[in-house]
PDB file of N, CA and C in Angstrom:
ATOM      1  N   UNK A   1     -26.234  19.541  -4.689  1.00  0.00           N
ATOM      2  CA  UNK A   1     -25.866  18.211  -4.498  1.00  0.00           C
ATOM      3  C   UNK A   1     -24.519  17.972  -5.664  1.00  0.00           C
ATOM      4  N   UNK A   2     -23.440  17.492  -5.023  1.00  0.00           N
ATOM      5  CA  UNK A   2     -22.154  17.623  -6.116  1.00  0.00           C
ATOM      6  C   UNK A   2     -22.058  16.023  -6.541  1.00  0.00           C
ATOM      7  N   UNK A   3     -21.737  15.428  -7.189  1.00  0.00           N
ATOM      8  CA  UNK A   3     -21.227  14.233  -7.750  1.00  0.00           C
ATOM      9  C   UNK A   3     -19.627  13.976  -7.156  1.00  0.00           C
ATOM     10  N   UNK A   4     -18.798  15.028  -7.056  1.00  0.00           N
ATOM     11  CA  UNK A   4     -17.629  15.028  -6.755  1.00  0.00           C
ATOM     12  C   UNK A   4     -17.356  14.545  -5.464  1.00  0.00           C
ATOM     13  N   UNK A   5     -17.945  15.262  -4.592  1.00  0.00           N
ATOM     14  CA  UNK A   5     -17.993  14.794  -2.997  1.00  0.00           C
ATOM     15  C   UNK A   5     -17.466  13.101  -2.717  1.00  0.00           C
ATOM     16  N   UNK A   6     -18.313  12.144  -2.824  1.00  0.00           N
ATOM     17  CA  UNK A   6     -17.902  10.899  -2.580  1.00  0.00           C
ATOM     18  C   UNK A   6     -16.396  10.565  -2.987  1.00  0.00           C
ATOM     19  N   UNK A   7     -16.285  10.928  -4.393  1.00  0.00           N
ATOM     20  CA  UNK A   7     -14.979  10.845  -4.858  1.00  0.00           C
ATOM     21  C   UNK A   7     -14.017  11.325  -4.248  1.00  0.00           C
ATOM     22  N   UNK A   8     -13.963  12.419  -3.748  1.00  0.00           N
ATOM     23  CA  UNK A   8     -12.916  13.194  -3.293  1.00  0.00           C
ATOM     24  C   UNK A   8     -12.784  12.556  -1.737  1.00  0.00           C
ATOM     25  N   UNK A   9     -13.886  12.318  -0.919  1.00  0.00           N
ATOM     26  CA  UNK A   9     -13.670  11.700   0.197  1.00  0.00           C
ATOM     27  C   UNK A   9     -12.886  10.245  -0.113  1.00  0.00           C
ATOM     28  N   UNK A  10     -13.214   9.268  -0.989  1.00  0.00           N
ATOM     29  CA  UNK A  10     -12.452   8.358  -1.401  1.00  0.00           C
ATOM     30  C   UNK A  10     -11.106   8.650  -1.301  1.00  0.00           C
ATOM     31  N   UNK A  11     -10.734   9.568  -1.840  1.00  0.00           N
ATOM     32  CA  UNK A  11      -9.404  10.333  -2.235  1.00  0.00           C
ATOM     33  C   UNK A  11      -8.527  10.413  -1.089  1.00  0.00           C
ATOM     34  N   UNK A  12      -9.552  11.097  -0.053  1.00  0.00           N
ATOM     35  CA  UNK A  12      -8.984  11.696   1.048  1.00  0.00           C
ATOM     36  C   UNK A  12      -8.570  10.211   2.330  1.00  0.00           C
ATOM     37  N   UNK A  13      -9.259   9.509   2.077  1.00  0.00           N
ATOM     38  CA  UNK A  13      -9.574   8.423   2.848  1.00  0.00           C
ATOM     39  C   UNK A  13      -8.350   7.383   2.831  1.00  0.00           C
ATOM     40  N   UNK A  14      -7.232   7.382   1.945  1.00  0.00           N
ATOM     41  CA  UNK A  14      -6.240   6.608   1.954  1.00  0.00           C
ATOM     42  C   UNK A  14      -5.426   6.792   3.214  1.00  0.00           C
ATOM     43  N   UNK A  15      -4.520   5.695   3.436  1.00  0.00           N
ATOM     44  CA  UNK A  15      -3.483   5.895   4.518  1.00  0.00           C
ATOM     45  C   UNK A  15      -2.719   6.774   4.183  1.00  0.00           C
ATOM     46  N   UNK A  16      -2.004   7.666   4.966  1.00  0.00           N
ATOM     47  CA  UNK A  16      -0.920   8.582   4.467  1.00  0.00           C
ATOM     48  C   UNK A  16       0.632   7.703   4.127  1.00  0.00           C
ATOM     49  N   UNK A  17       0.903   7.733   3.102  1.00  0.00           N
ATOM     50  CA  UNK A  17       2.371   6.981   2.887  1.00  0.00           C
ATOM     51  C   UNK A  17       3.542   7.260   3.632  1.00  0.00           C
ATOM     52  N   UNK A  18       3.243   8.074   4.582  1.00  0.00           N
ATOM     53  CA  UNK A  18       4.298   8.726   5.846  1.00  0.00           C
ATOM     54  C   UNK A  18       4.008   7.461   6.871  1.00  0.00           C
ATOM     55  N   UNK A  19       2.583   6.781   6.976  1.00  0.00           N
ATOM     56  CA  UNK A  19       2.615   6.107   7.829  1.00  0.00           C
ATOM     57  C   UNK A  19       3.340   4.526   7.793  1.00  0.00           C
ATOM     58  N   UNK A  20       3.294   4.093   6.306  1.00  0.00           N
ATOM     59  CA  UNK A  20       4.015   3.190   6.119  1.00  0.00           C
ATOM     60  C   UNK A  20       5.483   3.004   6.035  1.00  0.00           C
ATOM     61  N   UNK A  21       5.686   4.492   5.740  1.00  0.00           N
ATOM     62  CA  UNK A  21       6.942   4.772   5.652  1.00  0.00           C
ATOM     63  C   UNK A  21       7.792   4.680   7.204  1.00  0.00           C
ATOM     64  N   UNK A  22       6.994   5.223   8.140  1.00  0.00           N
ATOM     65  CA  UNK A  22       7.531   5.161   9.595  1.00  0.00           C
ATOM     66  C   UNK A  22       7.610   3.309   9.886  1.00  0.00           C
ATOM     67  N   UNK A  23       6.458   2.480   9.355  1.00  0.00           N
ATOM     68  CA  UNK A  23       6.694   1.298  10.031  1.00  0.00           C
ATOM     69  C   UNK A  23       8.123   1.004   9.036  1.00  0.00           C
ATOM     70  N   UNK A  24       8.533   1.058   7.832  1.00  0.00           N
ATOM     71  CA  UNK A  24       9.405   0.813   7.507  1.00  0.00           C
ATOM     72  C   UNK A  24      10.960   1.064   8.074  1.00  0.00           C
ATOM     73  N   UNK A  25      10.707   2.158   8.685  1.00  0.00           N
ATOM     74  CA  UNK A  25      11.923   2.565   9.533  1.00  0.00           C
ATOM     75  C   UNK A  25      12.434   2.784  10.787  1.00  0.00           C
ATOM     76  N   UNK A  26      10.920   1.959  11.662  1.00  0.00           N
ATOM     77  CA  UNK A  26      11.001   1.476  12.888  1.00  0.00           C
ATOM     78  C   UNK A  26      10.732   3.102  13.619  1.00  0.00           C
ATOM     79  N   UNK A  27      10.020   4.276  13.046  1.00  0.00           N
ATOM     80  CA  UNK A  27      10.004   5.441  13.546  1.00  0.00           C
ATOM     81  C   UNK A  27       8.709   6.062  14.252  1.00  0.00           C
ATOM     82  N   UNK A  28       8.974   5.681  15.265  1.00  0.00           N
ATOM     83  CA  UNK A  28       8.041   6.115  16.540  1.00  0.00           C
ATOM     84  C   UNK A  28       7.282   7.086  16.373  1.00  0.00           C
ATOM     85  N   UNK A  29       8.204   8.587  16.320  1.00  0.00           N
ATOM     86  CA  UNK A  29       7.842   9.886  16.225  1.00  0.00           C
ATOM     87  C   UNK A  29       6.991   9.908  15.069  1.00  0.00           C
ATOM     88  N   UNK A  30       7.483   9.731  13.632  1.00  0.00           N
ATOM     89  CA  UNK A  30       6.641   9.697  12.807  1.00  0.00           C
ATOM     90  C   UNK A  30       5.352   9.223  12.970  1.00  0.00           C
ATOM     91  N   UNK A  31       5.295   8.065  13.464  1.00  0.00           N
ATOM     92  CA  UNK A  31       3.766   7.603  14.012  1.00  0.00           C
ATOM     93  C   UNK A  31       2.990   8.005  14.830  1.00  0.00           C
ATOM     94  N   UNK A  32       3.329   8.440  15.978  1.00  0.00           N
ATOM     95  CA  UNK A  32       3.022   9.368  17.054  1.00  0.00           C
ATOM     96  C   UNK A  32       2.200  10.399  16.268  1.00  0.00           C
ATOM     97  N   UNK A  33       2.582  11.339  15.011  1.00  0.00           N
ATOM     98  CA  UNK A  33       1.911  12.031  14.318  1.00  0.00           C
ATOM     99  C   UNK A  33       0.664  12.068  14.013  1.00  0.00           C
ATOM    100  N   UNK A  34       0.638  10.864  13.748  1.00  0.00           N
ATOM    101  CA  UNK A  34      -1.133  10.268  12.974  1.00  0.00           C
ATOM    102  C   UNK A  34      -1.755   9.392  14.165  1.00  0.00           C
ATOM    103  N   UNK A  35      -1.184   9.077  15.422  1.00  0.00           N
ATOM    104  CA  UNK A  35      -1.970   8.735  16.593  1.00  0.00           C
ATOM    105  C   UNK A  35      -3.111   9.528  16.843  1.00  0.00           C
ATOM    106  N   UNK A  36      -4.646   8.898  16.788  1.00  0.00           N
ATOM    107  CA  UNK A  36      -5.879   9.618  17.801  1.00  0.00           C
ATOM    108  C   UNK A  36      -5.748  10.053  19.057  1.00  0.00           C
ATOM    109  N   UNK A  37      -6.236  10.872  19.352  1.00  0.00           N
ATOM    110  CA  UNK A  37      -5.987  10.948  20.707  1.00  0.00           C
ATOM    111  C   UNK A  37      -6.303   9.704  21.562  1.00  0.00           C
ATOM    112  N   UNK A  38      -7.349   8.835  21.125  1.00  0.00           N
ATOM    113  CA  UNK A  38      -7.317   7.411  21.875  1.00  0.00           C
ATOM    114  C   UNK A  38      -7.139   6.553  20.963  1.00  0.00           C
ATOM    115  N   UNK A  39      -6.164   5.526  21.203  1.00  0.00           N
ATOM    116  CA  UNK A  39      -6.013   4.643  20.141  1.00  0.00           C
ATOM    117  C   UNK A  39      -6.174   3.068  20.719  1.00  0.00           C
ATOM    118  N   UNK A  40      -7.072   2.139  19.588  1.00  0.00           N
ATOM    119  CA  UNK A  40      -6.797   0.716  20.284  1.00  0.00           C
ATOM    120  C   UNK A  40      -5.981   0.157  19.774  1.00  0.00           C
ATOM    121  N   UNK A  41      -5.115  -0.415  20.707  1.00  0.00           N
ATOM    122  CA  UNK A  41      -3.741  -0.795  20.376  1.00  0.00           C
ATOM    123  C   UNK A  41      -3.694  -2.525  20.904  1.00  0.00           C
ATOM    124  N   UNK A  42      -3.210  -2.984  19.939  1.00  0.00           N
ATOM    125  CA  UNK A  42      -2.969  -4.810  20.329  1.00  0.00           C
ATOM    126  C   UNK A  42      -1.376  -4.644  20.143  1.00  0.00           C
ATOM    127  N   UNK A  43      -0.658  -5.022  21.163  1.00  0.00           N
ATOM    128  CA  UNK A  43       1.136  -5.163  20.869  1.00  0.00           C
ATOM    129  C   UNK A  43       1.199  -6.043  21.819  1.00  0.00           C
ATOM    130  N   UNK A  44       1.810  -7.065  21.976  1.00  0.00           N
ATOM    131  CA  UNK A  44       2.286  -8.086  22.801  1.00  0.00           C
ATOM    132  C   UNK A  44       1.281  -8.369  23.849  1.00  0.00           C
ATOM    133  N   UNK A  45       1.502  -8.076  25.176  1.00  0.00           N
ATOM    134  CA  UNK A  45       0.600  -8.203  25.828  1.00  0.00           C
ATOM    135  C   UNK A  45      -0.615  -7.159  26.478  1.00  0.00           C
ATOM    136  N   UNK A  46      -0.238  -5.986  25.456  1.00  0.00           N
ATOM    137  CA  UNK A  46      -0.922  -4.647  25.507  1.00  0.00           C
ATOM    138  C   UNK A  46      -2.229  -5.121  24.505  1.00  0.00           C
ATOM    139  N   UNK A  47      -3.610  -5.091  25.411  1.00  0.00           N
ATOM    140  CA  UNK A  47      -4.715  -5.128  24.204  1.00  0.00           C
ATOM    141  C   UNK A  47      -5.790  -3.988  24.842  1.00  0.00           C
ATOM    142  N   UNK A  48      -5.798  -2.676  24.286  1.00  0.00           N
ATOM    143  CA  UNK A  48      -6.645  -2.060  25.217  1.00  0.00           C
ATOM    144  C   UNK A  48      -6.916  -0.478  24.724  1.00  0.00           C
ATOM    145  N   UNK A  49      -7.704   0.402  24.850  1.00  0.00           N
ATOM    146  CA  UNK A  49      -7.691   1.623  24.433  1.00  0.00           C
ATOM    147  C   UNK A  49      -6.566   2.535  25.070  1.00  0.00           C
ATOM    148  N   UNK A  50      -5.593   2.902  24.432  1.00  0.00           N
ATOM    149  CA  UNK A  50      -4.618   3.989  25.103  1.00  0.00           C
ATOM    150  C   UNK A  50      -4.589   5.597  24.713  1.00  0.00           C
ATOM    151  N   UNK A  51      -4.471   6.161  25.429  1.00  0.00           N
ATOM    152  CA  UNK A  51      -4.499   7.595  24.887  1.00  0.00           C
ATOM    153  C   UNK A  51      -2.802   7.739  24.157  1.00  0.00           C
ATOM    154  N   UNK A  52      -2.996   8.827  23.330  1.00  0.00           N
ATOM    155  CA  UNK A  52      -1.837   9.226  22.315  1.00  0.00           C
ATOM    156  C   UNK A  52      -0.408   8.837  23.021  1.00  0.00           C
ATOM    157  N   UNK A  53      -0.220   9.519  24.214  1.00  0.00           N
ATOM    158  CA  UNK A  53       1.329   9.496  24.853  1.00  0.00           C
ATOM    159  C   UNK A  53       0.905   7.610  25.327  1.00  0.00           C
ATOM    160  N   UNK A  54       0.381   7.186  26.217  1.00  0.00           N
ATOM    161  CA  UNK A  54       0.367   5.954  26.245  1.00  0.00           C
ATOM    162  C   UNK A  54       0.826   5.102  24.904  1.00  0.00           C
ATOM    163  N   UNK A  55       0.378   5.085  23.918  1.00  0.00           N
ATOM    164  CA  UNK A  55       0.208   4.145  22.917  1.00  0.00           C
ATOM    165  C   UNK A  55       1.928   4.386  21.951  1.00  0.00           C
ATOM    166  N   UNK A  56       2.346   5.674  22.192  1.00  0.00           N
ATOM    167  CA  UNK A  56       3.431   6.224  21.933  1.00  0.00           C
ATOM    168  C   UNK A  56       4.642   5.354  22.576  1.00  0.00           C
ATOM    169  N   UNK A  57       4.634   5.422  23.628  1.00  0.00           N
ATOM    170  CA  UNK A  57       5.400   4.615  24.504  1.00  0.00           C
ATOM    171  C   UNK A  57       5.489   3.331  24.065  1.00  0.00           C
ATOM    172  N   UNK A  58       4.143   2.568  24.089  1.00  0.00           N
ATOM    173  CA  UNK A  58       3.872   1.333  23.977  1.00  0.00           C
ATOM    174  C   UNK A  58       4.556   0.848  22.747  1.00  0.00           C
ATOM    175  N   UNK A  59       4.571   1.931  21.629  1.00  0.00           N
ATOM    176  CA  UNK A  59       5.225   1.395  20.225  1.00  0.00           C
ATOM    177  C   UNK A  59       6.575   1.704  20.289  1.00  0.00           C
ATOM    178  N   UNK A  60       7.204   2.938  20.872  1.00  0.00           N
ATOM    179  CA  UNK A  60       8.514   2.932  21.254  1.00  0.00           C
ATOM    180  C   UNK A  60       9.053   1.672  21.898  1.00  0.00           C
ATOM    181  N   UNK A  61       8.251   1.050  22.831  1.00  0.00           N
ATOM    182  CA  UNK A  61       9.078  -0.204  23.331  1.00  0.00           C
ATOM    183  C   UNK A  61       8.911  -1.283  22.572  1.00  0.00           C
ATOM    184  N   UNK A  62       8.047  -1.460  22.073  1.00  0.00           N
ATOM    185  CA  UNK A  62       8.106  -2.553  21.076  1.00  0.00           C
ATOM    186  C   UNK A  62       9.170  -2.202  19.616  1.00  0.00           C
ATOM    187  N   UNK A  63       9.621  -1.200  19.522  1.00  0.00           N
ATOM    188  CA  UNK A  63      10.675  -0.922  18.396  1.00  0.00           C
ATOM    189  C   UNK A  63      11.873  -1.202  18.687  1.00  0.00           C
ATOM    190  N   UNK A  64      12.026  -0.728  20.359  1.00  0.00           N
ATOM    191  CA  UNK A  64      13.081  -0.908  21.115  1.00  0.00           C
ATOM    192  C   UNK A  64      13.820  -2.385  21.198  1.00  0.00           C
ATOM    193  N   UNK A  65      12.723  -3.264  21.323  1.00  0.00           N
ATOM    194  CA  UNK A  65      13.065  -4.844  21.690  1.00  0.00           C
ATOM    195  C   UNK A  65      12.538  -5.926  20.313  1.00  0.00           C
ATOM    196  N   UNK A  66      12.450  -5.223  19.236  1.00  0.00           N
ATOM    197  CA  UNK A  66      12.383  -5.600  18.142  1.00  0.00           C
ATOM    198  C   UNK A  66      12.658  -4.606  16.887  1.00  0.00           C
ATOM    199  N   UNK A  67      13.923  -4.682  16.584  1.00  0.00           N
ATOM    200  CA  UNK A  67      14.648  -4.011  15.513  1.00  0.00           C
ATOM    201  C   UNK A  67      14.159  -4.045  14.279  1.00  0.00           C
ATOM    202  N   UNK A  68      13.313  -3.039  13.583  1.00  0.00           N
ATOM    203  CA  UNK A  68      12.744  -3.144  12.036  1.00  0.00           C
ATOM    204  C   UNK A  68      13.752  -3.478  11.106  1.00  0.00           C
ATOM    205  N   UNK A  69      13.725  -4.528  10.242  1.00  0.00           N
ATOM    206  CA  UNK A  69      14.548  -4.620   9.362  1.00  0.00           C
ATOM    207  C   UNK A  69      13.775  -4.027   7.940  1.00  0.00           C
ATOM    208  N   UNK A  70      12.280  -4.493   7.645  1.00  0.00           N
ATOM    209  CA  UNK A  70      11.725  -3.583   6.677  1.00  0.00           C
ATOM    210  C   UNK A  70      10.075  -3.839   7.024  1.00  0.00           C
ATOM    211  N   UNK A  71       9.518  -3.390   6.156  1.00  0.00           N
ATOM    212  CA  UNK A  71       7.863  -3.472   6.514  1.00  0.00           C
ATOM    213  C   UNK A  71       7.288  -3.655   4.766  1.00  0.00           C
ATOM    214  N   UNK A  72       6.950  -4.628   4.685  1.00  0.00           N
ATOM    215  CA  UNK A  72       6.084  -4.910   3.478  1.00  0.00           C
ATOM    216  C   UNK A  72       4.098  -4.828   3.404  1.00  0.00           C
ATOM    217  N   UNK A  73       3.915  -3.599   2.795  1.00  0.00           N
ATOM    218  CA  UNK A  73       2.303  -3.853   2.651  1.00  0.00           C
ATOM    219  C   UNK A  73       1.946  -5.120   1.763  1.00  0.00           C
ATOM    220  N   UNK A  74       0.952  -5.562   2.402  1.00  0.00           N
ATOM    221  CA  UNK A  74       0.249  -6.491   1.835  1.00  0.00           C
ATOM    222  C   UNK A  74      -0.919  -6.201   0.935  1.00  0.00           C
ATOM    223  N   UNK A  75      -1.889  -5.532   1.746  1.00  0.00           N
ATOM    224  CA  UNK A  75      -3.368  -5.002   1.315  1.00  0.00           C
ATOM    225  C   UNK A  75      -3.832  -3.507   1.967  1.00  0.00           C
ATOM    226  N   UNK A  76      -4.364  -2.838   1.123  1.00  0.00           N
ATOM    227  CA  UNK A  76      -4.902  -1.967   1.589  1.00  0.00           C
ATOM    228  C   UNK A  76      -6.275  -1.255   0.875  1.00  0.00           C
ATOM    229  N   UNK A  77      -7.112  -0.763   1.762  1.00  0.00           N
ATOM    230  CA  UNK A  77      -8.494  -0.228   1.318  1.00  0.00           C
ATOM    231  C   UNK A  77      -9.145   0.593   2.150  1.00  0.00           C
ATOM    232  N   UNK A  78     -10.296   1.272   1.333  1.00  0.00           N
ATOM    233  CA  UNK A  78     -10.723   2.302   2.486  1.00  0.00           C
ATOM    234  C   UNK A  78     -12.577   1.670   2.214  1.00  0.00           C
ATOM    235  N   UNK A  79     -13.147   2.320   3.267  1.00  0.00           N
ATOM    236  CA  UNK A  79     -14.368   2.239   3.161  1.00  0.00           C
ATOM    237  C   UNK A  79     -14.969   3.648   3.559  1.00  0.00           C
ATOM    238  N   UNK A  80     -16.072   4.255   3.117  1.00  0.00           N
ATOM    239  CA  UNK A  80     -16.611   5.426   3.782  1.00  0.00           C
ATOM    240  C   UNK A  80     -15.274   6.337   4.115  1.00  0.00           C
ATOM    241  N   UNK A  81     -15.119   6.726   5.340  1.00  0.00           N
ATOM    242  CA  UNK A  81     -14.238   7.704   5.713  1.00  0.00           C
ATOM    243  C   UNK A  81     -13.035   7.016   6.434  1.00  0.00           C
ATOM    244  N   UNK A  82     -12.980   5.479   6.457  1.00  0.00           N
ATOM    245  CA  UNK A  82     -12.026   4.999   7.055  1.00  0.00           C
ATOM    246  C   UNK A  82     -11.125   4.331   6.115  1.00  0.00           C
ATOM    247  N   UNK A  83      -9.915   3.774   6.573  1.00  0.00           N
ATOM    248  CA  UNK A  83      -9.245   3.372   5.450  1.00  0.00           C
ATOM    249  C   UNK A  83      -8.124   1.974   6.552  1.00  0.00           C
ATOM    250  N   UNK A  84      -7.878   1.253   5.609  1.00  0.00           N
ATOM    251  CA  UNK A  84      -7.087   0.188   6.533  1.00  0.00           C
ATOM    252  C   UNK A  84      -5.738  -0.364   5.626  1.00  0.00           C
ATOM    253  N   UNK A  85      -5.048  -0.785   6.387  1.00  0.00           N
ATOM    254  CA  UNK A  85      -3.687  -1.414   5.771  1.00  0.00           C
ATOM    255  C   UNK A  85      -3.300  -2.620   6.100  1.00  0.00           C
ATOM    256  N   UNK A  86      -2.931  -3.471   5.697  1.00  0.00           N
ATOM    257  CA  UNK A  86      -2.355  -4.962   6.268  1.00  0.00           C
ATOM    258  C   UNK A  86      -1.024  -5.036   5.997  1.00  0.00           C
ATOM    259  N   UNK A  87       0.187  -5.630   6.633  1.00  0.00           N
ATOM    260  CA  UNK A  87       1.250  -5.555   5.975  1.00  0.00           C
ATOM    261  C   UNK A  87       1.839  -6.937   7.363  1.00  0.00           C
ATOM    262  N   UNK A  88       3.396  -6.871   6.803  1.00  0.00           N
ATOM    263  CA  UNK A  88       4.417  -7.597   7.091  1.00  0.00           C
ATOM    264  C   UNK A  88       5.709  -6.838   7.697  1.00  0.00           C
ATOM    265  N   UNK A  89       5.660  -6.732   9.208  1.00  0.00           N
ATOM    266  CA  UNK A  89       6.797  -5.946   9.730  1.00  0.00           C
ATOM    267  C   UNK A  89       7.867  -7.013  10.038  1.00  0.00           C
ATOM    268  N   UNK A  90       8.910  -7.079   9.351  1.00  0.00           N
ATOM    269  CA  UNK A  90      10.327  -8.024   9.938  1.00  0.00           C
ATOM    270  C   UNK A  90      11.203  -7.460  10.388  1.00  0.00           C
ATOM    271  N   UNK A  91      11.246  -7.940  11.721  1.00  0.00           N
ATOM    272  CA  UNK A  91      12.348  -7.586  12.562  1.00  0.00           C
ATOM    273  C   UNK A  91      13.473  -8.604  12.994  1.00  0.00           C
ATOM    274  N   UNK A  92      14.364  -8.029  13.861  1.00  0.00           N
ATOM    275  CA  UNK A  92      15.268  -8.999  14.440  1.00  0.00           C
ATOM    276  C   UNK A  92      14.950 -10.270  15.096  1.00  0.00           C
ATOM    277  N   UNK A  93      13.795  -9.756  15.612  1.00  0.00           N
ATOM    278  CA  UNK A  93      13.205 -11.192  16.484  1.00  0.00           C
ATOM    279  C   UNK A  93      12.110 -11.927  15.822  1.00  0.00           C
ATOM    280  N   UNK A  94      11.858 -11.635  14.462  1.00  0.00           N
ATOM    281  CA  UNK A  94      10.748 -12.211  13.834  1.00  0.00           C
ATOM    282  C   UNK A  94       9.621 -11.591  13.036  1.00  0.00           C
ATOM    283  N   UNK A  95       8.894 -11.980  12.507  1.00  0.00           N
ATOM    284  CA  UNK A  95       7.833 -11.356  11.773  1.00  0.00           C
ATOM    285  C   UNK A  95       6.472 -10.912  12.539  1.00  0.00           C
ATOM    286  N   UNK A  96       6.010  -9.998  12.200  1.00  0.00           N
ATOM    287  CA  UNK A  96       4.628  -9.582  12.972  1.00  0.00           C
ATOM    288  C   UNK A  96       3.623  -8.999  11.701  1.00  0.00           C
ATOM    289  N   UNK A  97       2.514  -9.215  11.520  1.00  0.00           N
ATOM    290  CA  UNK A  97       1.511  -8.988  11.175  1.00  0.00           C
ATOM    291  C   UNK A  97       1.140  -7.777  11.603  1.00  0.00           C
ATOM    292  N   UNK A  98       0.832  -6.770  10.904  1.00  0.00           N
ATOM    293  CA  UNK A  98       0.662  -5.018  10.909  1.00  0.00           C
ATOM    294  C   UNK A  98      -0.628  -4.933  10.700  1.00  0.00           C
ATOM    295  N   UNK A  99      -1.951  -4.333  11.221  1.00  0.00           N
ATOM    296  CA  UNK A  99      -3.278  -4.100  10.883  1.00  0.00           C
ATOM    297  C   UNK A  99      -3.222  -2.559  11.409  1.00  0.00           C
ATOM    298  N   UNK A 100      -3.338  -1.601  10.844  1.00  0.00           N
ATOM    299  CA  UNK A 100      -3.543  -0.221  10.778  1.00  0.00           C
ATOM    300  C   UNK A 100      -5.005   0.382  10.150  1.00  0.00           C
ATOM    301  N   UNK A 101      -5.821   0.608  11.089  1.00  0.00           N
ATOM    302  CA  UNK A 101      -7.236   1.209  10.884  1.00  0.00           C
ATOM    303  C   UNK A 101      -7.381   2.862  10.974  1.00  0.00           C
ATOM    304  N   UNK A 102      -7.218   3.700  10.021  1.00  0.00           N
ATOM    305  CA  UNK A 102      -7.434   5.266  10.004  1.00  0.00           C
ATOM    306  C   UNK A 102      -8.667   5.706   9.547  1.00  0.00           C
ATOM    307  N   UNK A 103      -8.777   6.929  10.111  1.00  0.00           N
ATOM    308  CA  UNK A 103     -10.055   7.580  10.180  1.00  0.00           C
ATOM    309  C   UNK A 103      -9.561   9.122   9.991  1.00  0.00           C
ATOM    310  N   UNK A 104      -9.952   9.781   9.062  1.00  0.00           N
ATOM    311  CA  UNK A 104      -9.764  11.369   8.700  1.00  0.00           C
ATOM    312  C   UNK A 104      -8.034  11.256   8.931  1.00  0.00           C
ATOM    313  N   UNK A 105      -7.186  10.651   8.448  1.00  0.00           N
ATOM    314  CA  UNK A 105      -5.626  10.247   8.531  1.00  0.00           C
ATOM    315  C   UNK A 105      -4.871  10.249   9.903  1.00  0.00           C
ATOM    316  N   UNK A 106      -5.745   9.773  11.026  1.00  0.00           N
ATOM    317  CA  UNK A 106      -5.582   9.302  12.226  1.00  0.00           C
ATOM    318  C   UNK A 106      -5.457   7.786  12.255  1.00  0.00           C
ATOM    319  N   UNK A 107      -4.614   7.356  13.320  1.00  0.00           N
ATOM    320  CA  UNK A 107      -4.617   5.968  13.481  1.00  0.00           C
ATOM    321  C   UNK A 107      -5.697   5.820  14.719  1.00  0.00           C
ATOM    322  N   UNK A 108      -6.861   5.105  14.240  1.00  0.00           N
ATOM    323  CA  UNK A 108      -7.939   4.833  15.394  1.00  0.00           C
ATOM    324  C   UNK A 108      -7.544   3.076  16.214  1.00  0.00           C
ATOM    325  N   UNK A 109      -6.926   2.445  14.991  1.00  0.00           N
ATOM    326  CA  UNK A 109      -6.562   1.137  15.773  1.00  0.00           C
ATOM    327  C   UNK A 109      -5.508   0.496  14.934  1.00  0.00           C
ATOM    328  N   UNK A 110      -4.503   0.098  15.855  1.00  0.00           N
ATOM    329  CA  UNK A 110      -3.264  -0.449  15.300  1.00  0.00           C
ATOM    330  C   UNK A 110      -2.767  -2.132  16.331  1.00  0.00           C
ATOM    331  N   UNK A 111      -2.604  -3.025  15.307  1.00  0.00           N
ATOM    332  CA  UNK A 111      -2.259  -4.215  16.086  1.00  0.00           C
ATOM    333  C   UNK A 111      -1.293  -4.498  15.210  1.00  0.00           C
ATOM    334  N   UNK A 112      -0.068  -5.408  16.275  1.00  0.00           N
ATOM    335  CA  UNK A 112       1.145  -5.625  15.747  1.00  0.00           C
ATOM    336  C   UNK A 112       1.276  -7.128  16.288  1.00  0.00           C
ATOM    337  N   UNK A 113       0.987  -8.315  15.518  1.00  0.00           N
ATOM    338  CA  UNK A 113       0.912  -9.198  16.276  1.00  0.00           C
ATOM    339  C   UNK A 113       1.556 -10.401  15.328  1.00  0.00           C
ATOM    340  N   UNK A 114       2.364 -11.468  16.255  1.00  0.00           N
ATOM    341  CA  UNK A 114       3.323 -12.164  15.768  1.00  0.00           C
ATOM    342  C   UNK A 114       2.931 -13.025  14.163  1.00  0.00           C
ATOM    343  N   UNK A 115       3.306 -13.192  13.382  1.00  0.00           N
ATOM    344  CA  UNK A 115       2.981 -13.481  12.111  1.00  0.00           C
ATOM    345  C   UNK A 115       3.252 -15.161  12.193  1.00  0.00           C
ATOM    346  N   UNK A 116       2.360 -15.869  11.483  1.00  0.00           N
ATOM    347  CA  UNK A 116       2.390 -17.253  11.230  1.00  0.00           C
ATOM    348  C   UNK A 116       3.294 -17.691  10.052  1.00  0.00           C
ATOM    349  N   UNK A 117       3.897 -16.587   9.534  1.00  0.00           N
ATOM    350  CA  UNK A 117       4.793 -17.055   8.477  1.00  0.00           C
ATOM    351  C   UNK A 117       5.978 -17.365   8.566  1.00  0.00           C
TER     352      UNK A 117
END
């Protein structure tokens, strides 16, 4: 038994910086690379589990309607093999609260909801 394993797992469970950059750039193809084969998605009126292809299409549609100005990371953390990030996505149509949950560097859940700020 090694004491290094839990530490290595914790380091590996951090959300990849490329995901945060993809939000900052409104880059759907970059985000799609990190989507799990099935993703729980909450965007506008969509609230369900979607295939990677469906989720990518919904995210692309969102970015088309809401041109991204920037993304500000507010908080991130991890527990066991899961990581999460919370941030504010500033767009030409308003601000949105973003919640991303990843497991093994794949997005399992993505929520983009209107911000109260």
